[in-house]
C-alpha atoms as a PDB file:
ATOM      1  CA  MET A   1       0.399   0.553   0.067  1.00  0.00           C
ATOM      2  CA  ARG A   2       2.833   2.094   0.562  1.00  0.00           C
ATOM      3  CA  VAL A   3       4.395   1.792  -2.906  1.00  0.00           C
ATOM      4  CA  ALA A   4       1.404   2.993  -4.350  1.00  0.00           C
ATOM      5  CA  ASN A   5       0.851   6.076  -2.231  1.00  0.00           C
ATOM      6  CA  TYR A   6       4.362   6.878  -2.807  1.00  0.00           C
ATOM      7  CA  GLU A   7       3.740   6.455  -7.000  1.00  0.00           C
ATOM      8  CA  SER A   8       0.237   7.668  -6.991  1.00  0.00           C
ATOM      9  CA  THR A   9       2.360  10.785  -5.571  1.00  0.00           C
ATOM     10  CA  ASN A  10       4.560  10.949  -8.084  1.00  0.00           C
ATOM     11  CA  TYR A  11       2.134  10.503 -10.868  1.00  0.00           C
ATOM     12  CA  ASP A  12       0.006  13.377  -9.187  1.00  0.00           C
ATOM     13  CA  THR A  13       3.476  15.937  -9.078  1.00  0.00           C
ATOM     14  CA  MET A  14       4.247  15.127 -12.742  1.00  0.00           C
ATOM     15  CA  GLN A  15       0.902  15.917 -14.294  1.00  0.00           C
ATOM     16  CA  TYR A  16       1.153  19.052 -11.718  1.00  0.00           C
ATOM     17  CA  ILE A  17       4.307  20.257 -13.241  1.00  0.00           C
ATOM     18  CA  ILE A  18       3.355  19.060 -17.046  1.00  0.00           C
ATOM     19  CA  LYS A  19       0.322  21.474 -16.559  1.00  0.00           C
ATOM     20  CA  ILE A  20       3.333  23.888 -14.581  1.00  0.00           C
ATOM     21  CA  ILE A  21       5.920  23.533 -18.314  1.00  0.00           C
ATOM     22  CA  ILE A  22       2.138  23.787 -20.653  1.00  0.00           C
ATOM     23  CA  ALA A  23       0.880  27.303 -19.460  1.00  0.00           C
ATOM     24  CA  ALA A  24       4.177  27.994 -18.999  1.00  0.00           C
ATOM     25  CA  VAL A  25       5.741  27.885 -22.239  1.00  0.00           C
ATOM     26  CA  LEU A  26       2.135  28.868 -23.796  1.00  0.00           C
ATOM     27  CA  ILE A  27       2.702  32.292 -21.467  1.00  0.00           C
ATOM     28  CA  VAL A  28       6.279  32.942 -23.443  1.00  0.00           C
ATOM     29  CA  LEU A  29       5.048  31.428 -27.054  1.00  0.00           C
ATOM     30  CA  ILE A  30       2.235  34.088 -26.813  1.00  0.00           C
ATOM     31  CA  SER A  31       4.025  36.883 -25.609  1.00  0.00           C
ATOM     32  CA  GLU A  32       7.750  36.314 -27.907  1.00  0.00           C
ATOM     33  CA  ILE A  33       5.188  36.155 -30.831  1.00  0.00           C
ATOM     34  CA  ALA A  34       3.608  39.431 -30.043  1.00  0.00           C
ATOM     35  CA  LYS A  35       6.336  40.773 -29.831  1.00  0.00           C
ATOM     36  CA  ARG A  36       7.354  40.735 -33.426  1.00  0.00           C
ATOM     37  CA  SER A  37       3.054  41.001 -35.058  1.00  0.00           C
ATOM     38  CA  THR A  38       0.630  41.471 -31.991  1.00  0.00           C
ATOM     39  CA  PHE A  39      -1.743  40.569 -34.950  1.00  0.00           C
ATOM     40  CA  MET A  40      -0.143  37.241 -34.788  1.00  0.00           C
ATOM     41  CA  GLY A  41       0.080  36.957 -30.934  1.00  0.00           C
ATOM     42  CA  ALA A  42      -3.011  38.115 -30.449  1.00  0.00           C
ATOM     43  CA  ILE A  43      -4.775  35.293 -32.862  1.00  0.00           C
ATOM     44  CA  LEU A  44      -2.654  32.507 -30.514  1.00  0.00           C
ATOM     45  CA  ALA A  45      -4.489  34.251 -26.621  1.00  0.00           C
ATOM     46  CA  SER A  46      -7.768  34.156 -28.512  1.00  0.00           C
ATOM     47  CA  LEU A  47      -7.561  30.422 -29.342  1.00  0.00           C
ATOM     48  CA  PRO A  48      -9.207  28.359 -26.840  1.00  0.00           C
ATOM     49  CA  LEU A  49      -6.153  26.424 -25.877  1.00  0.00           C
ATOM     50  CA  THR A  50      -6.077  26.408 -21.523  1.00  0.00           C
ATOM     51  CA  SER A  51      -9.553  25.184 -22.463  1.00  0.00           C
ATOM     52  CA  ILE A  52      -9.048  23.084 -24.880  1.00  0.00           C
ATOM     53  CA  LEU A  53      -5.748  21.777 -22.658  1.00  0.00           C
ATOM     54  CA  ALA A  54      -7.659  22.252 -19.460  1.00  0.00           C
ATOM     55  CA  PHE A  55     -10.855  19.433 -20.852  1.00  0.00           C
ATOM     56  CA  VAL A  56      -8.162  17.371 -21.811  1.00  0.00           C
ATOM     57  CA  PHE A  57      -6.703  17.158 -18.230  1.00  0.00           C
ATOM     58  CA  LEU A  58     -10.129  16.814 -16.514  1.00  0.00           C
ATOM     59  CA  TYR A  59     -11.514  14.007 -18.876  1.00  0.00           C
ATOM     60  CA  VAL A  60      -8.044  12.107 -18.576  1.00  0.00           C
ATOM     61  CA  GLU A  61      -7.846  12.876 -14.731  1.00  0.00           C
ATOM     62  CA  THR A  62     -11.587  11.752 -13.912  1.00  0.00           C
ATOM     63  CA  ALA A  63     -13.236  10.483 -17.246  1.00  0.00           C
ATOM     64  CA  ASP A  64     -16.297  11.869 -16.452  1.00  0.00           C
ATOM     65  CA  SER A  65     -17.668  13.471 -19.838  1.00  0.00           C
ATOM     66  CA  GLU A  66     -20.865  15.049 -18.388  1.00  0.00           C
ATOM     67  CA  LYS A  67     -17.365  17.282 -15.707  1.00  0.00           C
ATOM     68  CA  VAL A  68     -16.027  18.402 -19.502  1.00  0.00           C
ATOM     69  CA  SER A  69     -19.712  19.412 -21.145  1.00  0.00           C
ATOM     70  CA  ALA A  70     -19.643  21.652 -17.510  1.00  0.00           C
ATOM     71  CA  LEU A  71     -16.614  23.465 -18.002  1.00  0.00           C
ATOM     72  CA  SER A  72     -17.643  24.143 -21.098  1.00  0.00           C
ATOM     73  CA  VAL A  73     -20.194  25.458 -20.190  1.00  0.00           C
ATOM     74  CA  ASP A  74     -19.383  27.475 -17.814  1.00  0.00           C
ATOM     75  CA  ILE A  75     -16.602  28.907 -19.793  1.00  0.00           C
ATOM     76  CA  PHE A  76     -19.028  29.685 -22.276  1.00  0.00           C
ATOM     77  CA  TRP A  77     -20.993  32.131 -19.994  1.00  0.00           C
ATOM     78  CA  LEU A  78     -17.270  33.009 -18.150  1.00  0.00           C
ATOM     79  CA  VAL A  79     -16.262  33.922 -21.137  1.00  0.00           C
ATOM     80  CA  ILE A  80     -18.035  37.201 -21.859  1.00  0.00           C
ATOM     81  CA  PRO A  81     -16.979  39.083 -19.047  1.00  0.00           C
ATOM     82  CA  SER A  82     -13.695  38.691 -19.092  1.00  0.00           C
ATOM     83  CA  LEU A  83     -14.083  40.836 -22.332  1.00  0.00           C
ATOM     84  CA  THR A  84     -14.617  43.709 -19.823  1.00  0.00           C
ATOM     85  CA  LEU A  85     -10.459  43.726 -19.383  1.00  0.00           C
ATOM     86  CA  PHE A  86     -10.423  43.828 -24.199  1.00  0.00           C
ATOM     87  CA  LEU A  87     -12.796  46.625 -23.798  1.00  0.00           C
ATOM     88  CA  ILE A  88     -11.283  49.023 -21.201  1.00  0.00           C
ATOM     89  CA  LEU A  89      -8.029  48.489 -20.915  1.00  0.00           C
ATOM     90  CA  PRO A  90      -6.935  49.934 -24.517  1.00  0.00           C
ATOM     91  CA  LEU A  91      -9.772  52.960 -24.393  1.00  0.00           C
ATOM     92  CA  LEU A  92      -7.581  53.780 -21.209  1.00  0.00           C
ATOM     93  CA  LEU A  93      -4.632  53.933 -22.825  1.00  0.00           C
ATOM     94  CA  LYS A  94      -5.824  55.578 -26.157  1.00  0.00           C
ATOM     95  CA  LYS A  95      -6.773  57.841 -23.606  1.00  0.00           C
ATOM     96  CA  GLY A  96      -2.932  58.263 -22.200  1.00  0.00           C
ATOM     97  CA  MET A  97      -3.615  56.689 -18.821  1.00  0.00           C
ATOM     98  CA  ASN A  98      -0.010  54.825 -17.105  1.00  0.00           C
ATOM     99  CA  PHE A  99       0.004  51.157 -18.493  1.00  0.00           C
ATOM    100  CA  TYR A 100      -0.402  49.902 -14.696  1.00  0.00           C
ATOM    101  CA  VAL A 101      -3.272  52.699 -13.942  1.00  0.00           C
ATOM    102  CA  SER A 102      -4.893  51.347 -17.207  1.00  0.00           C
ATOM    103  CA  LEU A 103      -3.943  47.553 -16.424  1.00  0.00           C
ATOM    104  CA  GLY A 104      -5.474  48.147 -13.263  1.00  0.00           C
ATOM    105  CA  ILE A 105      -8.921  49.857 -13.194  1.00  0.00           C
ATOM    106  CA  ALA A 106      -9.542  46.471 -16.774  1.00  0.00           C
ATOM    107  CA  CYS A 107      -8.638  44.420 -14.345  1.00  0.00           C
ATOM    108  CA  ALA A 108     -11.120  44.981 -11.163  1.00  0.00           C
ATOM    109  CA  LEU A 109     -14.655  46.802 -13.881  1.00  0.00           C
ATOM    110  CA  THR A 110     -13.732  42.454 -14.978  1.00  0.00           C
ATOM    111  CA  VAL A 111     -13.450  41.617 -11.841  1.00  0.00           C
ATOM    112  CA  ALA A 112     -16.918  43.174 -11.671  1.00  0.00           C
ATOM    113  CA  SER A 113     -18.227  41.863 -14.186  1.00  0.00           C
ATOM    114  CA  TYR A 114     -18.274  38.832 -13.042  1.00  0.00           C
ATOM    115  CA  SER A 115     -19.578  39.462  -9.951  1.00  0.00           C
ATOM    116  CA  ILE A 116     -22.095  40.640 -12.445  1.00  0.00           C
ATOM    117  CA  MET A 117     -22.420  37.546 -14.432  1.00  0.00           C
ATOM    118  CA  ILE A 118     -22.203  35.018 -11.710  1.00  0.00           C
ATOM    119  CA  PHE A 119     -24.794  37.455  -9.994  1.00  0.00           C
ATOM    120  CA  GLY A 120     -27.256  37.052 -13.229  1.00  0.00           C
ATOM    121  CA  LEU A 121     -26.250  33.366 -13.630  1.00  0.00           C
ATOM    122  CA  LYS A 122     -27.675  32.107 -10.664  1.00  0.00           C
ATOM    123  CA  LYS A 123     -30.140  34.121 -10.174  1.00  0.00           C
ATOM    124  CA  LEU A 124     -31.713  32.680 -13.369  1.00  0.00           C
ATOM    125  CA  GLY A 125     -30.833  29.048 -11.609  1.00  0.00           C
ATOM    126  CA  MET A 126     -27.577  28.010 -14.423  1.00  0.00           C
ATOM    127  CA  MET A 127     -25.174  27.558 -11.320  1.00  0.00           C
END
């Protein structure tokens, strides 16, 4: 029994390490490509790579397609408030506001948008 726990712990640790490496590689890849072409960086960043990886990891770890389906629906609804960041940040930057202040305001408004969406989804019985 002790060996099985050790092997299970090593397997779990290896899964976490692989997830972290994949996420790090994606972030670095997108930022490096964006240095050369913001449009190409945007294409890569807009792809639902994180969601796809989450679906795969969740299914591999649970073999539960219902959980994957529920995650997909939840992501759909929560993408909507995330768009706040992409609308507010460029508006503030174009007005000449400091980058970090703009990012902070855009993030705060995005959190508020998430809160409103979650409240609405709960009211509709969707969460």
